Amino acid sequence: MARYALRYPDPPAVKPVVISMLHPAHKWVALTLDDGVPFDPRILALLEHDHIRITTFLIGQMVKARPDLVARMKRDGFEIANHTWDHAGLRHSTDAQVRTELSKCQRAISAVTGDQAPYLRPPGGTTNKRVDAVAASMGYRTVLWSRSMADTSKSATPAQLYKRTIKGLRPGEIILGHWGRPQTYAALVLILPELRREGFQIVTVSDLIADSGGPEALK
């Protein structure tokens, strides 16, 4: 398992970079789950049953409210990364506001994990070079996605989410989903076995980076 966690507090700065897809040597993809509010515990149990480790981008308010769940994810080998304190949009925030959102979230996460995963997912995927630079100065690489389950749609069925996730999937893709959307669990029940049948392995973002040449290869 690759692990690029940084010391906390006072992590070193990293090079500003936005990651949405990588090019691993193996048939690997990263499943990432966001938010944590609401939270469907069936999803966590499903991942545990299949011994799948993921990178999750959690809202700091959720982490503070449910440190027991975060500690469970930590034991499962998940990467627990920053999704801001309260899901605030960052693109139109001041530098100071960006730092506050990330710092508050990280304090909550690091109280459980003891370190800092070097990844930020801006809410809604909305960012710009200024936000990316502020985040990098705090030790974060910006992680977006190349494929969305589209599980925020209120009308989507599990079969539709399955099709959107599986069709044309390529090694190195970063898949976006959420912990508490109504159809996410049922869709994952379909998706995870199909990924195995197709020869894909689900890994963390750090594993995907490591298999793609490591942080020094990021552009």
Protein backbone atom coordinates (compact mmCIF):
# COMPACT_ATOMS: atom_id res chain seq x y z
CA MET A 1 0.00 0.00 0.00
CA ALA A 2 1.43 3.36 -1.04
CA ARG A 3 1.10 6.09 1.53
CA TYR A 4 2.00 9.70 0.94
CA ALA A 5 0.62 11.07 4.19
CA LEU A 6 2.27 14.22 5.49
CA ARG A 7 3.17 15.15 9.03
CA TYR A 8 0.60 17.18 10.92
CA PRO A 9 0.68 19.98 11.92
CA ASP A 10 2.92 22.08 9.68
CA PRO A 11 3.01 19.83 6.62
CA PRO A 12 5.46 20.74 3.86
CA ALA A 13 4.14 22.47 0.77
CA VAL A 14 3.69 20.45 -2.42
CA LYS A 15 3.70 21.41 -6.09
CA PRO A 16 0.29 22.72 -7.21
CA VAL A 17 -1.33 20.05 -9.33
CA VAL A 18 -4.84 18.97 -10.31
CA ILE A 19 -5.36 15.22 -10.67
CA SER A 20 -8.34 13.78 -12.51
CA MET A 21 -6.92 10.68 -14.18
CA LEU A 22 -3.63 8.80 -14.05
CA HIS A 23 -1.79 6.22 -16.14
CA PRO A 24 -0.92 3.25 -13.93
CA ALA A 25 1.10 0.23 -14.94
CA HIS A 26 -1.69 -2.07 -13.75
CA LYS A 27 -5.43 -2.26 -14.35
CA TRP A 28 -6.21 -0.08 -11.36
CA VAL A 29 -8.89 2.53 -10.69
CA ALA A 30 -9.58 4.68 -7.62
CA LEU A 31 -13.06 4.75 -6.12
CA THR A 32 -13.54 7.95 -4.12
CA LEU A 33 -16.52 8.73 -1.89
CA ASP A 34 -17.35 12.25 -0.74
CA ASP A 35 -19.13 14.13 2.03
CA GLY A 36 -20.26 11.74 4.79
CA VAL A 37 -23.49 13.67 5.40
CA PRO A 38 -25.76 11.81 5.14
CA PHE A 39 -23.92 8.51 5.68
CA ASP A 40 -25.09 5.08 4.56
CA PRO A 41 -23.32 2.50 6.79
CA ARG A 42 -24.19 -0.27 4.33
CA ILE A 43 -21.64 1.16 1.93
CA LEU A 44 -18.87 0.96 4.51
CA ALA A 45 -19.86 -2.60 5.40
CA LEU A 46 -19.86 -3.56 1.72
CA LEU A 47 -16.34 -2.20 1.19
CA GLU A 48 -15.13 -3.93 4.35
CA HIS A 49 -16.65 -7.23 3.25
CA ASP A 50 -14.79 -7.04 -0.06
CA HIS A 51 -11.57 -5.78 1.59
CA ILE A 52 -11.57 -2.65 -0.57
CA ARG A 53 -9.54 0.40 0.48
CA ILE A 54 -10.57 3.76 -0.93
CA THR A 55 -9.79 7.44 -0.61
CA THR A 56 -12.64 9.34 0.99
CA PHE A 57 -13.05 13.12 1.03
CA LEU A 58 -14.95 13.99 4.19
CA ILE A 59 -16.59 17.18 5.39
CA GLY A 60 -15.03 18.32 8.64
CA GLN A 61 -18.38 18.71 10.38
CA MET A 62 -19.10 15.04 9.73
CA VAL A 63 -15.67 14.04 11.07
CA LYS A 64 -16.23 16.01 14.27
CA ALA A 65 -19.70 14.51 14.73
CA ARG A 66 -18.72 10.88 13.96
CA PRO A 67 -15.08 10.26 14.89
CA ASP A 68 -16.04 6.62 15.48
CA LEU A 69 -16.79 6.16 11.78
CA VAL A 70 -13.59 7.92 10.80
CA ALA A 71 -11.56 5.72 13.15
CA ARG A 72 -13.21 2.67 11.59
CA MET A 73 -12.21 3.88 8.12
CA LYS A 74 -8.67 4.45 9.38
CA ARG A 75 -8.53 0.85 10.65
CA ASP A 76 -9.80 -0.32 7.27
CA GLY A 77 -6.84 1.33 5.56
CA PHE A 78 -8.80 4.13 3.90
CA GLU A 79 -7.18 7.42 2.99
CA ILE A 80 -9.15 10.15 4.73
CA ALA A 81 -8.79 13.43 2.88
CA ASN A 82 -10.03 17.00 3.03
CA HIS A 83 -13.38 18.16 1.58
CA THR A 84 -13.54 21.47 3.54
CA TRP A 85 -15.19 22.07 6.89
CA ASP A 86 -18.76 22.67 5.71
CA HIS A 87 -18.76 22.02 1.94
CA ALA A 88 -18.19 25.69 1.17
CA GLY A 89 -17.37 26.66 -2.39
CA LEU A 90 -13.75 27.78 -2.65
CA ARG A 91 -13.44 29.47 -6.02
CA HIS A 92 -14.94 32.76 -4.84
CA SER A 93 -13.48 32.61 -1.32
CA THR A 94 -10.55 34.72 -0.19
CA ASP A 95 -7.21 33.05 0.47
CA ALA A 96 -7.86 33.39 4.20
CA GLN A 97 -11.28 31.76 3.86
CA VAL A 98 -9.80 28.87 1.89
CA ARG A 99 -7.18 28.33 4.57
CA THR A 100 -9.81 28.40 7.31
CA GLU A 101 -12.03 25.85 5.56
CA LEU A 102 -9.14 23.45 5.02
CA SER A 103 -7.54 23.97 8.41
CA LYS A 104 -10.75 23.35 10.37
CA CYS A 105 -11.47 20.20 8.42
CA GLN A 106 -7.90 18.94 8.78
CA ARG A 107 -7.83 19.49 12.53
CA ALA A 108 -10.86 17.23 12.86
CA ILE A 109 -9.40 14.55 10.58
CA SER A 110 -5.93 14.61 12.09
CA ALA A 111 -7.36 14.29 15.60
CA VAL A 112 -8.34 10.78 14.48
CA THR A 113 -5.65 9.85 11.92
CA GLY A 114 -2.62 11.62 13.38
CA ASP A 115 -1.40 12.79 9.99
CA GLN A 116 -2.57 14.56 6.83
CA ALA A 117 -3.52 12.93 3.55
CA PRO A 118 -2.06 15.27 0.90
CA TYR A 119 -5.28 15.60 -1.09
CA LEU A 120 -8.11 18.10 -1.32
CA ARG A 121 -11.33 17.70 -3.23
CA PRO A 122 -12.99 21.11 -3.60
CA PRO A 123 -16.77 20.94 -3.19
CA GLY A 124 -18.47 20.56 -6.54
CA GLY A 125 -15.06 20.22 -8.16
CA THR A 126 -14.96 24.01 -8.52
CA THR A 127 -11.46 25.41 -8.21
CA ASN A 128 -8.98 27.70 -9.91
CA LYS A 129 -5.21 28.25 -9.98
CA ARG A 130 -5.33 30.51 -6.93
CA VAL A 131 -7.21 27.97 -4.81
CA ASP A 132 -4.92 25.19 -6.02
CA ALA A 133 -1.88 27.27 -5.06
CA VAL A 134 -3.21 28.02 -1.57
CA ALA A 135 -4.03 24.36 -1.08
CA ALA A 136 -0.56 23.30 -2.29
CA SER A 137 1.06 25.68 0.18
CA MET A 138 -0.79 23.72 2.89
CA GLY A 139 0.33 20.34 1.54
CA TYR A 140 -2.63 19.43 -0.68
CA ARG A 141 -2.84 18.25 -4.25
CA THR A 142 -6.25 18.91 -5.81
CA VAL A 143 -8.02 15.67 -6.76
CA LEU A 144 -11.00 15.82 -9.09
CA TRP A 145 -12.32 12.86 -11.11
CA SER A 146 -12.56 11.48 -14.61
CA ARG A 147 -15.82 9.60 -14.08
CA SER A 148 -18.84 10.29 -11.90
CA MET A 149 -21.39 7.75 -10.76
CA ALA A 150 -23.82 10.70 -11.03
CA ASP A 151 -25.40 9.47 -7.80
CA THR A 152 -26.54 12.97 -6.81
CA SER A 153 -29.35 12.69 -9.37
CA LYS A 154 -32.67 12.16 -7.61
CA SER A 155 -34.13 10.28 -10.56
CA ALA A 156 -31.21 7.97 -11.36
CA THR A 157 -31.69 4.24 -10.86
CA PRO A 158 -28.99 1.84 -9.65
CA ALA A 159 -28.84 0.38 -13.17
CA GLN A 160 -28.18 3.84 -14.61
CA LEU A 161 -25.44 4.56 -12.09
CA TYR A 162 -23.90 1.17 -12.87
CA LYS A 163 -23.88 1.89 -16.60
CA ARG A 164 -22.38 5.36 -16.17
CA THR A 165 -19.60 3.92 -14.01
CA ILE A 166 -18.73 0.80 -15.97
CA LYS A 167 -19.17 1.67 -19.64
CA GLY A 168 -15.81 2.41 -21.23
CA LEU A 169 -13.96 2.48 -17.91
CA ARG A 170 -10.19 2.71 -18.34
CA PRO A 171 -7.26 2.00 -16.00
CA GLY A 172 -6.24 5.10 -14.09
CA GLU A 173 -9.69 6.61 -13.80
CA ILE A 174 -10.80 8.29 -10.58
CA ILE A 175 -14.46 7.53 -9.86
CA LEU A 176 -16.63 9.95 -7.88
CA GLY A 177 -19.44 8.79 -5.61
CA HIS A 178 -20.99 9.82 -2.30
CA TRP A 179 -21.59 8.14 1.04
CA GLY A 180 -25.25 8.93 1.49
CA ARG A 181 -27.11 9.26 -1.80
CA PRO A 182 -30.25 7.10 -2.11
CA GLN A 183 -29.07 4.77 -4.89
CA THR A 184 -25.31 4.61 -4.24
CA TYR A 185 -25.33 1.43 -2.17
CA ALA A 186 -27.53 -0.49 -4.61
CA ALA A 187 -25.36 0.70 -7.51
CA LEU A 188 -22.15 -0.40 -5.78
CA VAL A 189 -23.64 -3.85 -5.22
CA LEU A 190 -23.73 -4.08 -9.02
CA ILE A 191 -20.52 -2.21 -9.78
CA LEU A 192 -18.01 -3.89 -7.49
CA PRO A 193 -18.49 -7.48 -8.78
CA GLU A 194 -18.39 -6.22 -12.37
CA LEU A 195 -15.09 -4.45 -11.77
CA ARG A 196 -13.65 -7.72 -10.47
CA ARG A 197 -15.00 -9.64 -13.46
CA GLU A 198 -13.39 -7.09 -15.80
CA GLY A 199 -10.04 -7.46 -14.02
CA PHE A 200 -9.98 -4.03 -12.35
CA GLN A 201 -8.55 -3.51 -8.89
CA ILE A 202 -9.87 -0.67 -6.74
CA VAL A 203 -7.09 1.22 -4.97
CA THR A 204 -6.52 4.48 -3.12
CA VAL A 205 -5.41 7.66 -4.83
CA SER A 206 -1.93 7.20 -3.36
CA ASP A 207 -1.73 3.67 -4.77
CA LEU A 208 -2.80 4.96 -8.18
CA ILE A 209 -0.17 7.71 -8.07
CA ALA A 210 2.52 5.26 -7.00
CA ASP A 211 1.69 2.90 -9.87
CA SER A 212 1.79 5.87 -12.28
CA GLY A 213 5.32 6.95 -11.49
CA GLY A 214 4.92 8.53 -8.07
CA PRO A 215 4.37 12.15 -7.03
CA GLU A 216 7.37 13.32 -9.02
CA ALA A 217 5.58 12.26 -12.23
CA LEU A 218 2.51 14.41 -11.55
CA LYS A 219 1.99 17.34 -13.89
